[in-house]
């Protein structure tokens, strides 16, 4: 948990360098926190992983975090819900 917290702080402080397209930094998978989303060097929103139900989180932990994974993506003021 402490390692995940430290990696989450590193994700929140991400600043892209020499990237023209869309980017975000995804290093830890155990915390479902918002990750800043950039287009070039401009902060445009966030990406947040989530599981629709808590039991899916535990199944995802066993089989890999792409199982039942969904994403909430905010670009400018628009929010997109991408479900598994």
N, C-alpha and C. Protein backbone atom coordinates (compact mmCIF):
# COMPACT_ATOMS: atom_id res chain seq x y z
N UNK A 1 0.83 -1.20 0.00
CA UNK A 1 0.00 0.00 0.00
C UNK A 1 0.87 1.25 0.00
N UNK A 2 1.92 1.27 0.84
CA UNK A 2 2.80 2.44 0.90
C UNK A 2 3.54 2.65 -0.42
N UNK A 3 3.96 1.55 -1.03
CA UNK A 3 4.63 1.67 -2.34
C UNK A 3 3.66 2.21 -3.37
N UNK A 4 2.42 1.70 -3.36
CA UNK A 4 1.41 2.20 -4.31
C UNK A 4 1.14 3.68 -4.10
N UNK A 5 1.09 4.13 -2.84
CA UNK A 5 0.88 5.55 -2.56
C UNK A 5 2.02 6.39 -3.14
N UNK A 6 3.23 5.91 -2.99
CA UNK A 6 4.39 6.64 -3.52
C UNK A 6 4.35 6.70 -5.05
N UNK A 7 4.00 5.58 -5.68
CA UNK A 7 3.90 5.56 -7.13
C UNK A 7 2.75 6.43 -7.63
N UNK A 8 1.65 6.48 -6.87
CA UNK A 8 0.52 7.34 -7.24
C UNK A 8 0.92 8.81 -7.19
N UNK A 9 1.73 9.19 -6.23
CA UNK A 9 2.22 10.57 -6.15
C UNK A 9 3.10 10.87 -7.36
N UNK A 10 3.88 9.90 -7.80
CA UNK A 10 4.72 10.08 -8.98
C UNK A 10 3.85 10.25 -10.23
N UNK A 11 2.74 9.50 -10.30
CA UNK A 11 1.81 9.64 -11.42
C UNK A 11 1.20 11.04 -11.46
N UNK A 12 0.78 11.54 -10.30
CA UNK A 12 0.14 12.87 -10.24
C UNK A 12 1.11 13.98 -10.64
N UNK A 13 2.40 13.79 -10.44
CA UNK A 13 3.38 14.83 -10.78
C UNK A 13 3.95 14.68 -12.19
N UNK A 14 3.41 13.74 -12.96
CA UNK A 14 3.90 13.49 -14.32
C UNK A 14 3.81 14.74 -15.20
N UNK A 15 4.87 15.02 -15.91
CA UNK A 15 4.92 16.08 -16.91
C UNK A 15 5.56 15.50 -18.18
N UNK A 16 4.84 15.47 -19.30
CA UNK A 16 5.39 14.88 -20.52
C UNK A 16 6.53 15.73 -21.09
N UNK A 17 7.50 15.05 -21.67
CA UNK A 17 8.64 15.73 -22.32
C UNK A 17 8.77 15.19 -23.73
N UNK A 18 8.77 16.08 -24.69
CA UNK A 18 8.95 15.73 -26.10
C UNK A 18 7.89 14.75 -26.60
N UNK A 19 6.66 14.90 -26.13
CA UNK A 19 5.53 14.08 -26.58
C UNK A 19 4.50 15.03 -27.19
N UNK A 20 4.18 14.83 -28.46
CA UNK A 20 3.21 15.70 -29.13
C UNK A 20 1.78 15.22 -28.95
N UNK A 21 1.58 13.91 -28.82
CA UNK A 21 0.23 13.36 -28.74
C UNK A 21 -0.28 13.27 -27.32
N UNK A 22 -1.28 12.43 -27.12
CA UNK A 22 -1.90 12.22 -25.82
C UNK A 22 -1.02 11.33 -24.97
N UNK A 23 -0.95 11.62 -23.65
CA UNK A 23 -0.15 10.78 -22.76
C UNK A 23 -0.62 10.90 -21.32
N UNK A 24 -0.40 9.84 -20.57
CA UNK A 24 -0.56 9.84 -19.12
C UNK A 24 0.39 8.78 -18.57
N UNK A 25 0.69 8.88 -17.30
CA UNK A 25 1.68 8.01 -16.68
C UNK A 25 0.95 6.98 -15.83
N UNK A 26 1.12 5.71 -16.15
CA UNK A 26 0.42 4.63 -15.46
C UNK A 26 1.46 3.64 -14.95
N UNK A 27 1.83 3.77 -13.68
CA UNK A 27 2.85 2.89 -13.12
C UNK A 27 2.30 1.94 -12.05
N UNK A 28 1.31 2.37 -11.29
CA UNK A 28 0.73 1.52 -10.26
C UNK A 28 -0.71 1.19 -10.64
N UNK A 29 -1.16 0.01 -10.27
CA UNK A 29 -2.48 -0.44 -10.67
C UNK A 29 -3.40 -0.76 -9.50
N UNK A 30 -2.90 -0.69 -8.28
CA UNK A 30 -3.73 -1.10 -7.15
C UNK A 30 -4.65 0.01 -6.65
N UNK A 31 -4.29 1.27 -6.83
CA UNK A 31 -5.14 2.38 -6.41
C UNK A 31 -5.89 2.93 -7.62
N UNK A 32 -7.16 3.18 -7.44
CA UNK A 32 -7.98 3.69 -8.53
C UNK A 32 -8.05 5.22 -8.46
N UNK A 33 -6.93 5.87 -8.68
CA UNK A 33 -6.88 7.33 -8.57
C UNK A 33 -6.81 7.96 -9.96
N UNK A 34 -7.05 9.27 -10.02
CA UNK A 34 -7.00 10.00 -11.28
C UNK A 34 -5.56 10.21 -11.71
N UNK A 35 -5.32 9.99 -13.01
CA UNK A 35 -4.00 10.21 -13.58
C UNK A 35 -4.12 11.36 -14.58
N UNK A 36 -3.29 12.39 -14.46
CA UNK A 36 -3.39 13.53 -15.37
C UNK A 36 -3.23 13.10 -16.83
N UNK A 37 -4.05 13.67 -17.70
CA UNK A 37 -4.05 13.36 -19.13
C UNK A 37 -3.59 14.61 -19.88
N UNK A 38 -2.55 14.45 -20.68
CA UNK A 38 -1.95 15.57 -21.41
C UNK A 38 -2.08 15.38 -22.91
N UNK A 39 -2.21 16.49 -23.62
CA UNK A 39 -2.01 16.51 -25.06
C UNK A 39 -0.82 17.42 -25.29
N UNK A 40 0.28 16.82 -25.69
CA UNK A 40 1.54 17.56 -25.71
C UNK A 40 1.93 17.88 -24.27
N UNK A 41 2.16 19.14 -23.99
CA UNK A 41 2.50 19.55 -22.62
C UNK A 41 1.32 20.19 -21.88
N UNK A 42 0.15 20.22 -22.54
CA UNK A 42 -1.04 20.86 -21.96
C UNK A 42 -1.89 19.84 -21.21
N UNK A 43 -2.20 20.12 -19.95
CA UNK A 43 -3.08 19.26 -19.15
C UNK A 43 -4.49 19.41 -19.67
N UNK A 44 -5.09 18.31 -20.13
CA UNK A 44 -6.42 18.37 -20.73
C UNK A 44 -7.49 17.66 -19.91
N UNK A 45 -7.10 16.88 -18.89
CA UNK A 45 -8.08 16.17 -18.10
C UNK A 45 -7.43 15.07 -17.29
N UNK A 46 -8.13 13.94 -17.16
CA UNK A 46 -7.59 12.82 -16.39
C UNK A 46 -8.12 11.50 -16.93
N UNK A 47 -7.46 10.44 -16.53
CA UNK A 47 -7.90 9.07 -16.77
C UNK A 47 -8.00 8.40 -15.41
N UNK A 48 -9.10 7.72 -15.15
CA UNK A 48 -9.28 7.03 -13.87
C UNK A 48 -9.79 5.62 -14.14
N UNK A 49 -9.06 4.64 -13.65
CA UNK A 49 -9.49 3.25 -13.75
C UNK A 49 -10.53 2.98 -12.65
N UNK A 50 -11.49 2.12 -12.94
CA UNK A 50 -12.44 1.72 -11.90
C UNK A 50 -13.05 0.37 -12.25
N UNK A 51 -13.63 -0.25 -11.26
CA UNK A 51 -14.36 -1.49 -11.44
C UNK A 51 -15.81 -1.21 -11.04
N UNK A 52 -16.78 -1.57 -11.89
CA UNK A 52 -18.18 -1.27 -11.58
C UNK A 52 -18.66 -1.84 -10.25
N UNK A 53 -18.15 -3.00 -9.85
CA UNK A 53 -18.53 -3.60 -8.58
C UNK A 53 -17.29 -4.03 -7.83
N UNK A 54 -17.33 -4.00 -6.50
CA UNK A 54 -16.15 -4.29 -5.69
C UNK A 54 -15.62 -5.70 -5.90
N UNK A 55 -16.49 -6.69 -6.08
CA UNK A 55 -16.02 -8.05 -6.26
C UNK A 55 -15.18 -8.18 -7.52
N UNK A 56 -15.45 -7.34 -8.53
CA UNK A 56 -14.68 -7.38 -9.77
C UNK A 56 -13.24 -6.93 -9.53
N UNK A 57 -13.04 -6.03 -8.58
CA UNK A 57 -11.68 -5.59 -8.23
C UNK A 57 -10.86 -6.78 -7.74
N UNK A 58 -11.46 -7.61 -6.89
CA UNK A 58 -10.74 -8.75 -6.34
C UNK A 58 -10.46 -9.81 -7.40
N UNK A 59 -11.43 -10.04 -8.31
CA UNK A 59 -11.20 -10.97 -9.41
C UNK A 59 -10.10 -10.41 -10.31
N UNK A 60 -10.13 -9.10 -10.57
CA UNK A 60 -9.10 -8.47 -11.38
C UNK A 60 -7.73 -8.58 -10.74
N UNK A 61 -7.68 -8.53 -9.43
CA UNK A 61 -6.41 -8.66 -8.72
C UNK A 61 -5.82 -10.05 -8.91
N UNK A 62 -6.68 -11.05 -8.97
CA UNK A 62 -6.21 -12.43 -9.15
C UNK A 62 -5.80 -12.69 -10.60
N UNK A 63 -6.64 -12.29 -11.56
CA UNK A 63 -6.41 -12.61 -12.96
C UNK A 63 -5.67 -11.54 -13.75
N UNK A 64 -5.41 -10.40 -13.16
CA UNK A 64 -4.78 -9.30 -13.87
C UNK A 64 -5.74 -8.13 -13.92
N UNK A 65 -5.23 -6.94 -13.82
CA UNK A 65 -6.10 -5.77 -13.64
C UNK A 65 -6.84 -5.34 -14.90
N UNK A 66 -6.71 -6.04 -16.00
CA UNK A 66 -7.52 -5.73 -17.18
C UNK A 66 -8.87 -6.42 -17.14
N UNK A 67 -9.05 -7.34 -16.19
CA UNK A 67 -10.31 -8.06 -16.04
C UNK A 67 -11.35 -7.13 -15.42
N UNK A 68 -12.47 -6.93 -16.07
CA UNK A 68 -13.57 -6.05 -15.64
C UNK A 68 -13.15 -4.58 -15.52
N UNK A 69 -12.04 -4.23 -16.09
CA UNK A 69 -11.56 -2.85 -15.98
C UNK A 69 -12.43 -1.91 -16.81
N UNK A 70 -12.75 -0.77 -16.24
CA UNK A 70 -13.44 0.31 -16.94
C UNK A 70 -12.65 1.59 -16.72
N UNK A 71 -12.87 2.57 -17.56
CA UNK A 71 -12.15 3.83 -17.47
C UNK A 71 -13.12 5.00 -17.46
N UNK A 72 -12.83 5.98 -16.64
CA UNK A 72 -13.51 7.27 -16.69
C UNK A 72 -12.47 8.25 -17.23
N UNK A 73 -12.79 8.89 -18.34
CA UNK A 73 -11.85 9.81 -18.98
C UNK A 73 -12.50 11.18 -19.06
N UNK A 74 -11.81 12.17 -18.56
CA UNK A 74 -12.29 13.55 -18.69
C UNK A 74 -11.34 14.29 -19.61
N UNK A 75 -11.90 14.89 -20.65
CA UNK A 75 -11.15 15.75 -21.56
C UNK A 75 -11.88 17.08 -21.58
N UNK A 76 -11.17 18.13 -21.16
CA UNK A 76 -11.77 19.43 -20.93
C UNK A 76 -12.89 19.26 -19.90
N UNK A 77 -14.12 19.53 -20.22
CA UNK A 77 -15.23 19.36 -19.27
C UNK A 77 -16.08 18.13 -19.60
N UNK A 78 -15.74 17.41 -20.65
CA UNK A 78 -16.51 16.24 -21.07
C UNK A 78 -15.98 14.99 -20.37
N UNK A 79 -16.90 14.16 -19.87
CA UNK A 79 -16.54 12.92 -19.18
C UNK A 79 -17.05 11.74 -20.02
N UNK A 80 -16.14 10.81 -20.27
CA UNK A 80 -16.44 9.61 -21.05
C UNK A 80 -16.32 8.39 -20.13
N UNK A 81 -17.28 7.48 -20.25
CA UNK A 81 -17.28 6.27 -19.44
C UNK A 81 -17.04 5.09 -20.37
N UNK A 82 -15.86 4.47 -20.27
CA UNK A 82 -15.48 3.35 -21.11
C UNK A 82 -15.58 2.10 -20.24
N UNK A 83 -16.55 1.23 -20.55
CA UNK A 83 -16.77 0.06 -19.71
C UNK A 83 -16.29 -1.21 -20.39
N UNK A 84 -15.89 -2.17 -19.55
CA UNK A 84 -15.38 -3.45 -20.03
C UNK A 84 -16.45 -4.20 -20.77
